[in-house]
């Protein structure tokens, strides 16, 4: 029997690596040699005849005892994603960044002078009819010969391909707009700007704020966490992708998140990933009450003891060992800054709370259900 080497997952959820097959020296029975990808990484053998057995789980159906990870078909991502057709990505972009369609701007940069800015895209730019052609100066909007290029799919395609940096004029001719962009991170400023969005207007039903964060850059994520506390203070709810408002999820603080978070842990069916850069014994002991009751495989990623000052390394090592003793996989990674938990690659808890060391420091965390966000965060660690 040929058992292909590689990574396999047991029907109970744990992962193993098949090294190869061998024969028993006395009976010549073929066995599979494999090692566990958890705990101490023990080496095991199992009769090859048992490897591909079908296990009857009663009402839950029948499954293979071991399944090669590469043979598991990937889940189709939800919504618009990396594999979506270019036309779909362009359509999504234009549905979000809606403004004037009779003109758009492009970014320019003068490396020698160290200057940059945006100008309207004009079909007559630098032509003989352009005042700049003869060295003159005139604002594009005042030029009698301007021939502005329309904001369309072609412009967006160049922007997304990196051929041009496009700027949208969000104010429509009737002085209405579909979106606003602000650069801020303080709670007070956020409340001030958001308050303006809440002014009454005929036909207005809801206010949506699009907040973009690069979770792989520590400084940008830290700024976002400040804004998250501001959103929580004024009662905003979160959306992972555009969806009906009633499906939005809430933003919690360190006093309100635990009951919902704990329920998500206990409801998980296959896997739970907790990324907590810092750990504390008191919180670890409390967490074991619900982590050991979870039916899903639990993995914790935290900083290695060597990242702490010498006097704290023993405490951190003790916390790591406590988790391992309860069959929780612990992985260490240097210089991690993200703080999040993911259940079944779908439910995401993301914010500034360290789930295994949080205190009463005014932190916030949001809960969303989104496959794309879960995948992006998982790939980052």
Protein backbone atom coordinates (compact mmCIF):
# COMPACT_ATOMS: atom_id res chain seq x y z
CA UNK A 1 0.00 0.00 0.00
CA UNK A 2 1.39 3.39 -0.96
CA UNK A 3 0.96 6.11 1.66
CA UNK A 4 2.21 9.40 0.30
CA UNK A 5 4.49 11.30 2.72
CA UNK A 6 3.31 14.70 3.88
CA UNK A 7 1.00 16.42 6.32
CA UNK A 8 -2.21 14.65 7.41
CA UNK A 9 -5.07 15.55 9.69
CA UNK A 10 -6.73 12.99 11.98
CA UNK A 11 -10.52 12.91 12.03
CA UNK A 12 -10.39 14.26 15.60
CA UNK A 13 -8.54 17.34 14.39
CA UNK A 14 -4.86 16.84 15.28
CA UNK A 15 -2.16 17.03 12.64
CA UNK A 16 0.63 14.59 11.80
CA UNK A 17 3.45 14.24 9.29
CA UNK A 18 3.92 10.95 7.48
CA UNK A 19 7.62 10.15 7.09
CA UNK A 20 7.12 6.96 5.08
CA UNK A 21 6.23 3.29 5.37
CA UNK A 22 8.19 0.34 6.75
CA UNK A 23 7.82 -3.41 7.26
CA UNK A 24 7.63 -5.26 10.58
CA UNK A 25 10.83 -7.33 10.94
CA UNK A 26 8.98 -10.47 12.08
CA UNK A 27 5.57 -10.39 10.42
CA UNK A 28 6.49 -8.22 7.40
CA UNK A 29 3.29 -6.28 8.08
CA UNK A 30 3.44 -2.85 6.45
CA UNK A 31 3.28 0.08 8.88
CA UNK A 32 3.12 3.85 8.51
CA UNK A 33 5.82 5.87 10.29
CA UNK A 34 4.61 9.31 11.32
CA UNK A 35 5.16 12.00 13.92
CA UNK A 36 2.81 14.29 15.80
CA UNK A 37 2.82 17.98 14.90
CA UNK A 38 1.84 18.95 18.43
CA UNK A 39 3.17 18.51 21.95
CA UNK A 40 6.62 16.92 21.98
CA UNK A 41 6.34 15.72 18.38
CA UNK A 42 6.40 12.02 19.26
CA UNK A 43 7.20 9.38 16.62
CA UNK A 44 4.54 6.71 15.98
CA UNK A 45 3.81 3.68 13.80
CA UNK A 46 0.42 2.34 12.76
CA UNK A 47 -0.58 -0.61 10.55
CA UNK A 48 -0.91 0.68 7.00
CA UNK A 49 -4.24 -1.16 6.67
CA UNK A 50 -5.68 1.10 9.37
CA UNK A 51 -4.43 4.35 7.82
CA UNK A 52 -7.14 4.72 5.17
CA UNK A 53 -9.89 3.14 7.26
CA UNK A 54 -13.33 4.72 7.29
CA UNK A 55 -14.51 5.61 10.80
CA UNK A 56 -18.22 5.49 11.58
CA UNK A 57 -19.22 8.51 13.69
CA UNK A 58 -22.87 7.56 13.98
CA UNK A 59 -25.15 10.54 13.38
CA UNK A 60 -22.13 12.61 12.29
CA UNK A 61 -21.53 10.32 9.32
CA UNK A 62 -18.48 8.37 8.10
CA UNK A 63 -15.03 9.89 7.59
CA UNK A 64 -11.50 8.78 6.76
CA UNK A 65 -9.25 8.20 9.76
CA UNK A 66 -6.50 10.33 8.19
CA UNK A 67 -6.81 12.82 5.35
CA UNK A 68 -3.86 14.31 3.52
CA UNK A 69 -4.00 18.08 3.90
CA UNK A 70 -3.13 18.68 0.24
CA UNK A 71 -6.15 16.58 -0.75
CA UNK A 72 -8.60 18.79 1.13
CA UNK A 73 -10.30 21.08 -1.41
CA UNK A 74 -9.85 24.76 -0.49
CA UNK A 75 -12.94 26.62 0.63
CA UNK A 76 -14.29 29.13 -1.83
CA UNK A 77 -13.58 32.57 -0.35
CA UNK A 78 -16.59 34.74 0.41
CA UNK A 79 -17.22 37.95 -1.53
CA UNK A 80 -14.49 39.65 -3.55
CA UNK A 81 -11.04 38.15 -2.88
CA UNK A 82 -7.57 37.73 -4.38
CA UNK A 83 -8.77 35.18 -6.93
CA UNK A 84 -11.75 37.26 -8.09
CA UNK A 85 -11.82 38.44 -11.70
CA UNK A 86 -10.30 41.90 -12.31
CA UNK A 87 -13.70 43.19 -13.45
CA UNK A 88 -15.23 42.20 -10.09
CA UNK A 89 -12.49 43.99 -8.15
CA UNK A 90 -12.92 47.11 -10.25
CA UNK A 91 -16.68 47.05 -9.74
CA UNK A 92 -16.22 46.74 -5.95
CA UNK A 93 -13.75 49.63 -5.90
CA UNK A 94 -16.09 51.88 -7.87
CA UNK A 95 -19.05 50.97 -5.65
CA UNK A 96 -17.12 52.13 -2.57
CA UNK A 97 -15.28 55.18 -3.90
CA UNK A 98 -18.12 57.02 -5.60
CA UNK A 99 -17.63 60.63 -6.60
CA UNK A 100 -17.63 62.80 -9.69
CA UNK A 101 -17.43 60.74 -12.86
CA UNK A 102 -16.63 63.64 -15.19
CA UNK A 103 -13.11 64.14 -13.79
CA UNK A 104 -10.54 62.45 -11.54
CA UNK A 105 -7.07 63.30 -10.26
CA UNK A 106 -3.68 61.63 -10.54
CA UNK A 107 -0.68 61.93 -8.27
CA UNK A 108 2.52 63.57 -9.49
CA UNK A 109 5.95 63.67 -7.90
CA UNK A 110 9.10 65.70 -8.56
CA UNK A 111 11.97 63.70 -7.12
CA UNK A 112 14.55 66.43 -7.65
CA UNK A 113 12.55 69.08 -5.81
CA UNK A 114 11.02 66.67 -3.33
CA UNK A 115 7.50 67.88 -4.11
CA UNK A 116 4.32 66.03 -4.98
CA UNK A 117 0.57 66.49 -5.26
CA UNK A 118 -2.53 65.75 -7.32
CA UNK A 119 -3.81 67.33 -10.54
CA UNK A 120 -6.93 66.70 -12.62
CA UNK A 121 -6.29 64.32 -15.52
CA UNK A 122 -6.65 66.36 -18.70
CA UNK A 123 -6.51 65.20 -22.29
CA UNK A 124 -4.84 68.47 -23.29
CA UNK A 125 -2.14 68.43 -20.62
CA UNK A 126 1.21 69.66 -22.01
CA UNK A 127 -0.32 70.09 -25.45
CA UNK A 128 0.05 73.44 -27.32
CA UNK A 129 -3.39 74.46 -25.99
CA UNK A 130 -2.26 73.95 -22.37
CA UNK A 131 -0.98 77.14 -20.66
CA UNK A 132 1.76 75.03 -19.01
CA UNK A 133 3.13 74.17 -22.44
CA UNK A 134 4.60 77.64 -22.81
CA UNK A 135 5.74 77.89 -19.22
CA UNK A 136 2.63 79.68 -18.01
CA UNK A 137 0.73 79.02 -14.79
CA UNK A 138 -3.02 78.56 -14.48
CA UNK A 139 -5.28 76.45 -12.29
CA UNK A 140 -6.69 73.55 -14.29
CA UNK A 141 -10.23 74.40 -13.25
CA UNK A 142 -9.85 77.92 -14.67
CA UNK A 143 -8.32 76.83 -17.97
CA UNK A 144 -10.65 77.47 -20.93
CA UNK A 145 -9.04 74.61 -22.87
CA UNK A 146 -9.32 71.87 -20.28
CA UNK A 147 -10.48 68.45 -21.49
CA UNK A 148 -10.89 66.43 -18.31
CA UNK A 149 -10.79 62.63 -18.59
CA UNK A 150 -13.76 60.77 -17.12
CA UNK A 151 -13.43 58.62 -14.00
CA UNK A 152 -14.23 55.15 -15.30
CA UNK A 153 -13.20 51.50 -15.15
CA UNK A 154 -10.08 52.16 -17.20
CA UNK A 155 -8.80 54.65 -14.62
CA UNK A 156 -9.53 52.29 -11.73
CA UNK A 157 -7.78 49.42 -13.52
CA UNK A 158 -4.60 51.52 -13.89
CA UNK A 159 -4.82 52.46 -10.22
CA UNK A 160 -5.18 48.85 -9.03
CA UNK A 161 -2.32 47.73 -11.28
CA UNK A 162 -0.04 50.43 -9.88
CA UNK A 163 0.28 52.25 -13.20
CA UNK A 164 -1.23 55.42 -11.76
CA UNK A 165 -2.27 56.69 -8.34
CA UNK A 166 -5.84 57.90 -8.78
CA UNK A 167 -7.66 60.42 -6.63
CA UNK A 168 -11.44 60.66 -6.54
CA UNK A 169 -13.30 63.96 -6.18
CA UNK A 170 -15.97 62.86 -3.67
CA UNK A 171 -18.09 66.05 -3.79
CA UNK A 172 -20.81 65.76 -6.45
CA UNK A 173 -21.98 68.83 -8.38
CA UNK A 174 -25.05 69.01 -6.07
CA UNK A 175 -22.66 69.19 -3.06
CA UNK A 176 -23.50 65.71 -1.77
CA UNK A 177 -21.01 62.92 -1.24
CA UNK A 178 -21.04 59.19 -0.68
CA UNK A 179 -17.91 58.85 1.45
CA UNK A 180 -15.47 60.89 3.54
CA UNK A 181 -11.83 60.15 4.33
CA UNK A 182 -10.09 61.47 7.44
CA UNK A 183 -6.62 60.99 8.87
CA UNK A 184 -6.87 60.74 12.63
CA UNK A 185 -6.36 58.31 15.50
CA UNK A 186 -7.47 60.13 18.66
CA UNK A 187 -10.83 59.35 20.27
CA UNK A 188 -11.83 63.02 20.63
CA UNK A 189 -11.14 63.85 16.98
CA UNK A 190 -12.93 60.70 15.87
CA UNK A 191 -16.04 61.60 17.87
CA UNK A 192 -15.95 65.12 16.45
CA UNK A 193 -15.82 64.02 12.81
CA UNK A 194 -18.27 61.14 13.27
CA UNK A 195 -20.69 63.56 14.92
CA UNK A 196 -20.81 65.59 11.72
CA UNK A 197 -21.79 62.49 9.80
CA UNK A 198 -24.78 62.06 12.11
CA UNK A 199 -26.42 65.34 11.18
CA UNK A 200 -29.98 64.84 10.01
CA UNK A 201 -30.65 64.76 6.28
CA UNK A 202 -33.76 63.70 4.37
CA UNK A 203 -33.43 60.10 3.25
CA UNK A 204 -30.41 59.28 5.44
CA UNK A 205 -30.89 55.90 7.10
CA UNK A 206 -27.48 54.94 8.45
CA UNK A 207 -23.87 56.06 8.74
CA UNK A 208 -21.05 53.77 7.64
CA UNK A 209 -17.37 54.46 8.36
CA UNK A 210 -14.76 52.63 6.26
CA UNK A 211 -11.63 52.21 8.37
CA UNK A 212 -8.60 50.59 6.75
CA UNK A 213 -5.82 49.00 8.79
CA UNK A 214 -2.64 47.15 7.80
CA UNK A 215 -2.41 44.56 10.58
CA UNK A 216 1.13 43.66 9.50
CA UNK A 217 2.55 47.07 10.43
CA UNK A 218 2.77 47.57 14.19
CA UNK A 219 2.46 51.37 14.14
CA UNK A 220 -0.59 51.36 11.85
CA UNK A 221 -2.28 48.68 13.92
CA UNK A 222 -1.61 50.62 17.12
CA UNK A 223 -3.24 53.71 15.62
CA UNK A 224 -6.24 51.61 14.61
CA UNK A 225 -6.60 50.26 18.15
CA UNK A 226 -6.87 53.83 19.39
CA UNK A 227 -9.64 54.49 16.90
CA UNK A 228 -11.37 51.27 17.92
CA UNK A 229 -11.70 52.57 21.48
CA UNK A 230 -13.25 55.71 20.05
CA UNK A 231 -15.78 53.74 18.02
CA UNK A 232 -16.71 51.73 21.11
CA UNK A 233 -17.21 54.92 23.13
CA UNK A 234 -19.81 56.30 20.68
CA UNK A 235 -21.64 53.00 20.17
CA UNK A 236 -20.54 51.94 16.69
CA UNK A 237 -20.80 48.34 15.48
CA UNK A 238 -18.42 46.58 13.13
CA UNK A 239 -18.79 45.14 9.66
CA UNK A 240 -16.16 42.91 8.06
CA UNK A 241 -17.60 43.34 4.57
CA UNK A 242 -20.65 45.23 3.29
CA UNK A 243 -23.72 43.46 4.70
CA UNK A 244 -27.14 44.35 6.13
CA UNK A 245 -26.83 46.48 9.25
CA UNK A 246 -28.71 44.01 11.42
CA UNK A 247 -25.87 41.52 10.85
CA UNK A 248 -23.22 43.89 12.17
CA UNK A 249 -21.22 42.83 15.20
CA UNK A 250 -20.40 44.84 18.28
CA UNK A 251 -17.29 46.43 19.71
CA UNK A 252 -16.56 45.37 23.29
CA UNK A 253 -14.29 46.52 26.10
CA UNK A 254 -12.47 44.42 28.70
CA UNK A 255 -15.58 44.38 30.94
CA UNK A 256 -18.15 43.26 28.36
CA UNK A 257 -16.41 40.97 25.86
CA UNK A 258 -15.89 37.84 27.97
CA UNK A 259 -19.35 36.15 27.95
CA UNK A 260 -19.67 36.40 24.15
CA UNK A 261 -16.02 35.46 23.58
CA UNK A 262 -16.30 32.43 25.88
CA UNK A 263 -19.46 31.29 24.08
CA UNK A 264 -17.61 31.45 20.76
CA UNK A 265 -14.78 29.34 22.16
CA UNK A 266 -17.17 26.65 23.38
CA UNK A 267 -19.14 26.71 20.12
CA UNK A 268 -16.07 26.18 17.89
CA UNK A 269 -16.04 22.80 16.17
CA UNK A 270 -12.59 22.34 14.62
CA UNK A 271 -9.94 24.89 15.58
CA UNK A 272 -9.26 27.90 17.76
CA UNK A 273 -6.26 30.18 17.25
CA UNK A 274 -5.39 32.66 20.01
CA UNK A 275 -2.63 35.18 19.41
CA UNK A 276 -1.72 36.84 22.70
CA UNK A 277 1.75 38.41 22.72
CA UNK A 278 1.74 38.50 26.52
CA UNK A 279 0.60 35.91 29.05
CA UNK A 280 -0.01 36.09 32.80
CA UNK A 281 -0.51 33.15 35.15
CA UNK A 282 -3.75 34.46 36.64
CA UNK A 283 -5.31 34.86 33.22
CA UNK A 284 -3.96 31.56 31.92
CA UNK A 285 -5.47 29.69 34.89
CA UNK A 286 -8.81 31.40 34.29
CA UNK A 287 -8.65 30.67 30.55
CA UNK A 288 -8.05 26.97 31.14
CA UNK A 289 -11.57 26.71 32.59
CA UNK A 290 -13.11 27.31 29.16
CA UNK A 291 -10.25 26.26 26.85
CA UNK A 292 -10.18 22.73 28.31
CA UNK A 293 -13.95 22.52 27.86
CA UNK A 294 -13.69 23.42 24.17
CA UNK A 295 -14.19 20.58 21.71
CA UNK A 296 -11.99 22.23 19.08
CA UNK A 297 -8.21 22.04 18.82
CA UNK A 298 -6.65 25.07 20.55
CA UNK A 299 -3.42 26.74 19.43
CA UNK A 300 -1.85 29.67 21.28
CA UNK A 301 0.83 31.92 19.77
CA UNK A 302 2.78 34.15 22.15
CA UNK A 303 6.19 35.71 22.60
CA UNK A 304 9.02 33.38 23.73
CA UNK A 305 10.27 33.71 27.32
CA UNK A 306 13.57 35.05 25.94
CA UNK A 307 11.73 38.22 24.87
CA UNK A 308 11.08 39.10 28.51
CA UNK A 309 13.41 40.56 31.10
CA UNK A 310 15.34 37.83 33.00
CA UNK A 311 13.27 38.11 36.18
CA UNK A 312 10.01 37.35 34.29
CA UNK A 313 11.21 34.49 32.10
CA UNK A 314 10.48 31.82 34.70
CA UNK A 315 6.86 33.01 35.05
CA UNK A 316 6.32 32.99 31.30
CA UNK A 317 7.81 29.50 30.97
CA UNK A 318 5.43 28.32 33.70
CA UNK A 319 2.45 29.74 31.80
CA UNK A 320 3.53 28.02 28.59
CA UNK A 321 3.94 24.69 30.38
CA UNK A 322 0.51 25.05 32.00
CA UNK A 323 -1.09 25.38 28.58
CA UNK A 324 0.87 22.45 27.15
CA UNK A 325 -0.09 20.23 30.09
CA UNK A 326 -3.73 20.68 29.09
CA UNK A 327 -3.14 19.55 25.50
CA UNK A 328 -3.03 23.08 24.11
CA UNK A 329 -0.52 23.65 21.33
CA UNK A 330 1.77 26.60 22.12
CA UNK A 331 3.90 28.26 19.48
CA UNK A 332 6.24 31.16 20.15
CA UNK A 333 7.08 33.96 17.77
CA UNK A 334 9.29 36.96 18.25
CA UNK A 335 8.16 40.52 17.65
CA UNK A 336 4.46 39.79 17.28
CA UNK A 337 2.14 42.70 17.97
CA UNK A 338 -1.28 41.53 16.78
CA UNK A 339 -3.86 40.51 19.37
CA UNK A 340 -6.70 38.35 18.06
CA UNK A 341 -8.55 35.05 18.28
CA UNK A 342 -10.10 33.07 15.42
CA UNK A 343 -12.67 30.29 15.74
CA UNK A 344 -13.16 27.84 12.87
CA UNK A 345 -11.50 30.28 10.42
CA UNK A 346 -14.67 32.36 10.50
CA UNK A 347 -15.33 34.14 13.81
CA UNK A 348 -12.72 36.83 14.50
CA UNK A 349 -12.00 38.72 17.72
CA UNK A 350 -9.55 41.52 16.95
CA UNK A 351 -8.39 44.52 18.93
CA UNK A 352 -6.04 45.61 21.70
CA UNK A 353 -6.93 42.99 24.35
CA UNK A 354 -4.35 40.32 25.19
CA UNK A 355 -6.66 37.35 25.75
CA UNK A 356 -4.24 35.65 28.15
CA UNK A 357 -3.08 38.70 30.10
CA UNK A 358 -5.70 41.44 29.81
CA UNK A 359 -6.33 43.82 32.68
CA UNK A 360 -8.42 46.90 33.32
CA UNK A 361 -6.65 49.34 31.03
CA UNK A 362 -9.50 50.58 28.82
CA UNK A 363 -8.81 48.22 25.90
CA UNK A 364 -11.30 47.30 23.17
CA UNK A 365 -11.97 44.36 20.87
CA UNK A 366 -14.39 43.83 18.00
CA UNK A 367 -16.16 40.66 16.89
CA UNK A 368 -16.85 39.95 13.23
CA UNK A 369 -17.63 36.88 11.14
CA UNK A 370 -15.58 37.03 7.97
CA UNK A 371 -13.56 34.36 6.15
CA UNK A 372 -11.32 36.88 4.38
CA UNK A 373 -10.34 38.71 7.57
CA UNK A 374 -9.71 35.40 9.34
CA UNK A 375 -7.49 34.23 6.51
CA UNK A 376 -5.51 37.48 6.35
CA UNK A 377 -4.81 37.43 10.10
CA UNK A 378 -3.88 33.74 10.09
CA UNK A 379 -1.42 34.15 7.25
CA UNK A 380 0.29 36.96 9.17
CA UNK A 381 1.39 34.62 11.95
